[in-house]
Amino acid sequence: MAKRKSPALAAILNFILPGLGYIYSSVRGTVFPWGLFLLSIWVAVHDWNEITTILSGQIAMTEHFLLFIILYPLVFAYDGYRATEEANKKSRNH
């Protein structure tokens, strides 16, 4: 029987760096989580100057910031939680 994974931890990891929760829970194929993880790192590094100026209050939030820094991780956090719960149910039934 496969070891159960924590859906909450998968959600937190996916919120911090989308893709990391999928890697932790092993619920998807190998390409999708690693691709998403690398894309998340690229977005964070590419937009680091914008992120720091927004957080310091020097410029207003843009749609790009709201989409990729807030909404994007929330969606993947929810999906990581849901996917890990499904994987745990499947492992119990087998």
N, C-alpha and C. Protein backbone atom coordinates (compact mmCIF):
# COMPACT_ATOMS: atom_id res chain seq x y z
N MET A 1 0.85 -1.19 0.00
CA MET A 1 0.00 0.00 0.00
C MET A 1 0.89 1.25 0.00
N ALA A 2 0.56 2.19 -0.83
CA ALA A 2 1.33 3.43 -0.92
C ALA A 2 1.07 4.29 0.32
N LYS A 3 2.08 5.00 0.74
CA LYS A 3 1.96 5.89 1.89
C LYS A 3 1.04 7.06 1.55
N ARG A 4 0.13 7.37 2.45
CA ARG A 4 -0.77 8.50 2.25
C ARG A 4 0.01 9.80 2.33
N LYS A 5 -0.34 10.73 1.48
CA LYS A 5 0.28 12.05 1.48
C LYS A 5 -0.70 13.05 2.06
N SER A 6 -0.18 14.13 2.61
CA SER A 6 -1.01 15.17 3.22
C SER A 6 -1.53 16.13 2.15
N PRO A 7 -2.87 16.20 1.96
CA PRO A 7 -3.43 17.15 1.01
C PRO A 7 -3.11 18.60 1.39
N ALA A 8 -3.09 18.89 2.69
CA ALA A 8 -2.79 20.26 3.14
C ALA A 8 -1.36 20.65 2.79
N LEU A 9 -0.42 19.72 2.98
CA LEU A 9 0.97 20.01 2.64
C LEU A 9 1.13 20.18 1.13
N ALA A 10 0.42 19.37 0.35
CA ALA A 10 0.47 19.51 -1.11
C ALA A 10 -0.06 20.88 -1.52
N ALA A 11 -1.13 21.34 -0.87
CA ALA A 11 -1.70 22.66 -1.19
C ALA A 11 -0.72 23.77 -0.83
N ILE A 12 -0.10 23.68 0.33
CA ILE A 12 0.87 24.71 0.75
C ILE A 12 2.05 24.75 -0.20
N LEU A 13 2.58 23.57 -0.54
CA LEU A 13 3.72 23.52 -1.48
C LEU A 13 3.35 24.09 -2.84
N ASN A 14 2.13 23.76 -3.31
CA ASN A 14 1.69 24.30 -4.61
C ASN A 14 1.47 25.81 -4.54
N PHE A 15 1.09 26.33 -3.39
CA PHE A 15 0.91 27.77 -3.26
C PHE A 15 2.27 28.47 -3.28
N ILE A 16 3.23 27.91 -2.58
CA ILE A 16 4.56 28.52 -2.51
C ILE A 16 5.23 28.51 -3.88
N LEU A 17 5.27 27.35 -4.51
CA LEU A 17 5.82 27.20 -5.86
C LEU A 17 4.96 26.19 -6.61
N PRO A 18 4.01 26.68 -7.44
CA PRO A 18 3.14 25.76 -8.16
C PRO A 18 3.93 24.67 -8.87
N GLY A 19 3.49 23.44 -8.66
CA GLY A 19 4.16 22.27 -9.21
C GLY A 19 4.84 21.46 -8.12
N LEU A 20 5.29 22.12 -7.08
CA LEU A 20 6.00 21.45 -5.99
C LEU A 20 5.07 20.50 -5.23
N GLY A 21 3.82 20.88 -5.05
CA GLY A 21 2.85 20.00 -4.38
C GLY A 21 2.58 18.74 -5.18
N TYR A 22 2.54 18.87 -6.51
CA TYR A 22 2.35 17.69 -7.36
C TYR A 22 3.55 16.76 -7.27
N ILE A 23 4.74 17.34 -7.22
CA ILE A 23 5.94 16.52 -7.10
C ILE A 23 5.92 15.77 -5.76
N TYR A 24 5.55 16.47 -4.69
CA TYR A 24 5.45 15.85 -3.37
C TYR A 24 4.45 14.69 -3.37
N SER A 25 3.27 14.91 -3.94
CA SER A 25 2.21 13.91 -3.85
C SER A 25 2.27 12.84 -4.92
N SER A 26 3.09 13.03 -5.94
CA SER A 26 3.26 12.05 -7.03
C SER A 26 1.94 11.65 -7.67
N VAL A 27 1.05 12.62 -7.90
CA VAL A 27 -0.26 12.29 -8.45
C VAL A 27 -0.37 12.55 -9.96
N ARG A 28 0.61 13.16 -10.55
CA ARG A 28 0.60 13.44 -11.98
C ARG A 28 1.79 12.78 -12.63
N GLY A 29 1.84 12.82 -13.96
CA GLY A 29 2.99 12.30 -14.68
C GLY A 29 4.24 13.11 -14.33
N THR A 30 5.37 12.70 -14.84
CA THR A 30 6.61 13.36 -14.45
C THR A 30 6.85 14.69 -15.14
N VAL A 31 6.30 14.89 -16.33
CA VAL A 31 6.59 16.11 -17.09
C VAL A 31 5.80 17.31 -16.56
N PHE A 32 4.52 17.16 -16.29
CA PHE A 32 3.67 18.28 -15.89
C PHE A 32 4.16 18.97 -14.62
N PRO A 33 4.38 18.25 -13.51
CA PRO A 33 4.80 18.96 -12.29
C PRO A 33 6.15 19.64 -12.42
N TRP A 34 7.10 18.99 -13.06
CA TRP A 34 8.42 19.60 -13.21
C TRP A 34 8.35 20.81 -14.13
N GLY A 35 7.57 20.74 -15.20
CA GLY A 35 7.41 21.89 -16.10
C GLY A 35 6.77 23.07 -15.39
N LEU A 36 5.73 22.79 -14.61
CA LEU A 36 5.04 23.84 -13.86
C LEU A 36 5.96 24.43 -12.79
N PHE A 37 6.71 23.59 -12.13
CA PHE A 37 7.66 24.04 -11.11
C PHE A 37 8.70 24.98 -11.72
N LEU A 38 9.29 24.58 -12.85
CA LEU A 38 10.30 25.42 -13.51
C LEU A 38 9.69 26.71 -14.04
N LEU A 39 8.47 26.65 -14.57
CA LEU A 39 7.79 27.87 -15.03
C LEU A 39 7.56 28.82 -13.86
N SER A 40 7.18 28.30 -12.72
CA SER A 40 6.95 29.14 -11.54
C SER A 40 8.23 29.83 -11.10
N ILE A 41 9.32 29.11 -11.11
CA ILE A 41 10.61 29.72 -10.75
C ILE A 41 10.96 30.80 -11.76
N TRP A 42 10.76 30.53 -13.04
CA TRP A 42 11.07 31.52 -14.08
C TRP A 42 10.25 32.78 -13.88
N VAL A 43 8.95 32.64 -13.63
CA VAL A 43 8.08 33.81 -13.43
C VAL A 43 8.54 34.61 -12.21
N ALA A 44 8.87 33.92 -11.12
CA ALA A 44 9.32 34.62 -9.91
C ALA A 44 10.62 35.37 -10.15
N VAL A 45 11.57 34.75 -10.82
CA VAL A 45 12.85 35.41 -11.08
C VAL A 45 12.69 36.55 -12.07
N HIS A 46 11.93 36.30 -13.14
CA HIS A 46 11.73 37.30 -14.18
C HIS A 46 11.04 38.55 -13.63
N ASP A 47 10.09 38.36 -12.73
CA ASP A 47 9.30 39.48 -12.21
C ASP A 47 9.74 39.94 -10.83
N TRP A 48 10.92 39.54 -10.36
CA TRP A 48 11.34 39.87 -9.01
C TRP A 48 11.36 41.38 -8.76
N ASN A 49 11.85 42.17 -9.72
CA ASN A 49 11.88 43.63 -9.54
C ASN A 49 10.48 44.20 -9.38
N GLU A 50 9.56 43.72 -10.22
CA GLU A 50 8.18 44.20 -10.11
C GLU A 50 7.57 43.78 -8.78
N ILE A 51 7.82 42.56 -8.37
CA ILE A 51 7.28 42.06 -7.10
C ILE A 51 7.78 42.90 -5.93
N THR A 52 9.06 43.18 -5.88
CA THR A 52 9.61 43.94 -4.75
C THR A 52 9.12 45.39 -4.75
N THR A 53 8.96 46.01 -5.92
CA THR A 53 8.47 47.39 -5.95
C THR A 53 7.00 47.47 -5.57
N ILE A 54 6.21 46.46 -5.93
CA ILE A 54 4.80 46.43 -5.53
C ILE A 54 4.69 46.23 -4.02
N LEU A 55 5.45 45.28 -3.49
CA LEU A 55 5.38 45.00 -2.05
C LEU A 55 5.90 46.16 -1.21
N SER A 56 6.82 46.94 -1.75
CA SER A 56 7.33 48.09 -1.01
C SER A 56 6.42 49.31 -1.14
N GLY A 57 5.39 49.21 -1.98
CA GLY A 57 4.43 50.30 -2.13
C GLY A 57 4.83 51.37 -3.12
N GLN A 58 5.88 51.14 -3.91
CA GLN A 58 6.34 52.15 -4.86
C GLN A 58 5.46 52.23 -6.10
N ILE A 59 4.88 51.10 -6.51
CA ILE A 59 3.94 51.11 -7.64
C ILE A 59 2.71 50.32 -7.27
N ALA A 60 1.63 50.55 -8.00
CA ALA A 60 0.37 49.85 -7.74
C ALA A 60 0.42 48.44 -8.33
N MET A 61 -0.46 47.59 -7.81
CA MET A 61 -0.55 46.23 -8.34
C MET A 61 -1.05 46.25 -9.77
N THR A 62 -0.48 45.41 -10.59
CA THR A 62 -0.92 45.28 -11.97
C THR A 62 -1.71 43.98 -12.11
N GLU A 63 -2.40 43.84 -13.25
CA GLU A 63 -3.16 42.62 -13.50
C GLU A 63 -2.21 41.42 -13.52
N HIS A 64 -1.03 41.63 -14.06
CA HIS A 64 -0.03 40.57 -14.15
C HIS A 64 0.33 40.07 -12.76
N PHE A 65 0.55 40.98 -11.84
CA PHE A 65 0.88 40.62 -10.46
C PHE A 65 -0.26 39.83 -9.83
N LEU A 66 -1.48 40.34 -9.98
CA LEU A 66 -2.64 39.66 -9.39
C LEU A 66 -2.81 38.26 -9.96
N LEU A 67 -2.60 38.11 -11.26
CA LEU A 67 -2.81 36.83 -11.91
C LEU A 67 -1.73 35.82 -11.52
N PHE A 68 -0.48 36.19 -11.67
CA PHE A 68 0.59 35.22 -11.49
C PHE A 68 1.09 35.08 -10.06
N ILE A 69 0.90 36.07 -9.24
CA ILE A 69 1.43 36.00 -7.88
C ILE A 69 0.36 35.64 -6.85
N ILE A 70 -0.91 35.92 -7.14
CA ILE A 70 -1.96 35.63 -6.17
C ILE A 70 -2.92 34.55 -6.68
N LEU A 71 -3.57 34.77 -7.82
CA LEU A 71 -4.58 33.84 -8.31
C LEU A 71 -3.97 32.51 -8.75
N TYR A 72 -2.90 32.56 -9.50
CA TYR A 72 -2.24 31.37 -10.02
C TYR A 72 -1.86 30.39 -8.90
N PRO A 73 -1.19 30.81 -7.85
CA PRO A 73 -0.88 29.87 -6.76
C PRO A 73 -2.11 29.36 -6.02
N LEU A 74 -3.15 30.20 -5.87
CA LEU A 74 -4.37 29.74 -5.19
C LEU A 74 -5.05 28.62 -5.95
N VAL A 75 -5.13 28.75 -7.26
CA VAL A 75 -5.75 27.72 -8.09
C VAL A 75 -4.97 26.41 -7.97
N PHE A 76 -3.65 26.49 -8.05
CA PHE A 76 -2.85 25.28 -7.96
C PHE A 76 -2.83 24.71 -6.55
N ALA A 77 -2.97 25.54 -5.53
CA ALA A 77 -3.06 25.04 -4.16
C ALA A 77 -4.33 24.20 -4.01
N TYR A 78 -5.44 24.72 -4.49
CA TYR A 78 -6.70 23.98 -4.43
C TYR A 78 -6.59 22.66 -5.21
N ASP A 79 -6.04 22.73 -6.42
CA ASP A 79 -5.94 21.53 -7.25
C ASP A 79 -4.99 20.51 -6.63
N GLY A 80 -3.90 20.95 -6.03
CA GLY A 80 -2.98 20.03 -5.37
C GLY A 80 -3.65 19.32 -4.20
N TYR A 81 -4.47 20.05 -3.44
CA TYR A 81 -5.22 19.46 -2.33
C TYR A 81 -6.17 18.40 -2.85
N ARG A 82 -6.96 18.78 -3.86
CA ARG A 82 -7.96 17.87 -4.43
C ARG A 82 -7.31 16.63 -5.04
N ALA A 83 -6.25 16.82 -5.81
CA ALA A 83 -5.58 15.70 -6.48
C ALA A 83 -4.95 14.74 -5.47
N THR A 84 -4.41 15.27 -4.38
CA THR A 84 -3.81 14.41 -3.36
C THR A 84 -4.87 13.63 -2.61
N GLU A 85 -6.02 14.26 -2.34
CA GLU A 85 -7.13 13.53 -1.71
C GLU A 85 -7.59 12.38 -2.60
N GLU A 86 -7.72 12.64 -3.90
CA GLU A 86 -8.13 11.59 -4.85
C GLU A 86 -7.12 10.45 -4.88
N ALA A 87 -5.85 10.79 -4.90
CA ALA A 87 -4.80 9.76 -4.92
C ALA A 87 -4.84 8.93 -3.65
N ASN A 88 -5.10 9.57 -2.52
CA ASN A 88 -5.20 8.83 -1.25
C ASN A 88 -6.40 7.88 -1.26
N LYS A 89 -7.53 8.33 -1.82
CA LYS A 89 -8.72 7.47 -1.91
C LYS A 89 -8.45 6.27 -2.80
N LYS A 90 -7.78 6.50 -3.92
CA LYS A 90 -7.47 5.41 -4.84
C LYS A 90 -6.54 4.39 -4.18
N SER A 91 -5.55 4.88 -3.42
CA SER A 91 -4.61 3.96 -2.78
C SER A 91 -5.28 3.15 -1.69
N ARG A 92 -6.32 3.69 -1.04
CA ARG A 92 -7.08 2.95 -0.03
C ARG A 92 -7.90 1.85 -0.66
N ASN A 93 -8.42 2.13 -1.87
CA ASN A 93 -9.30 1.17 -2.54
C ASN A 93 -8.55 0.03 -3.21
N HIS A 94 -7.25 0.17 -3.36
CA HIS A 94 -6.47 -0.87 -4.04
C HIS A 94 -5.73 -1.73 -3.09
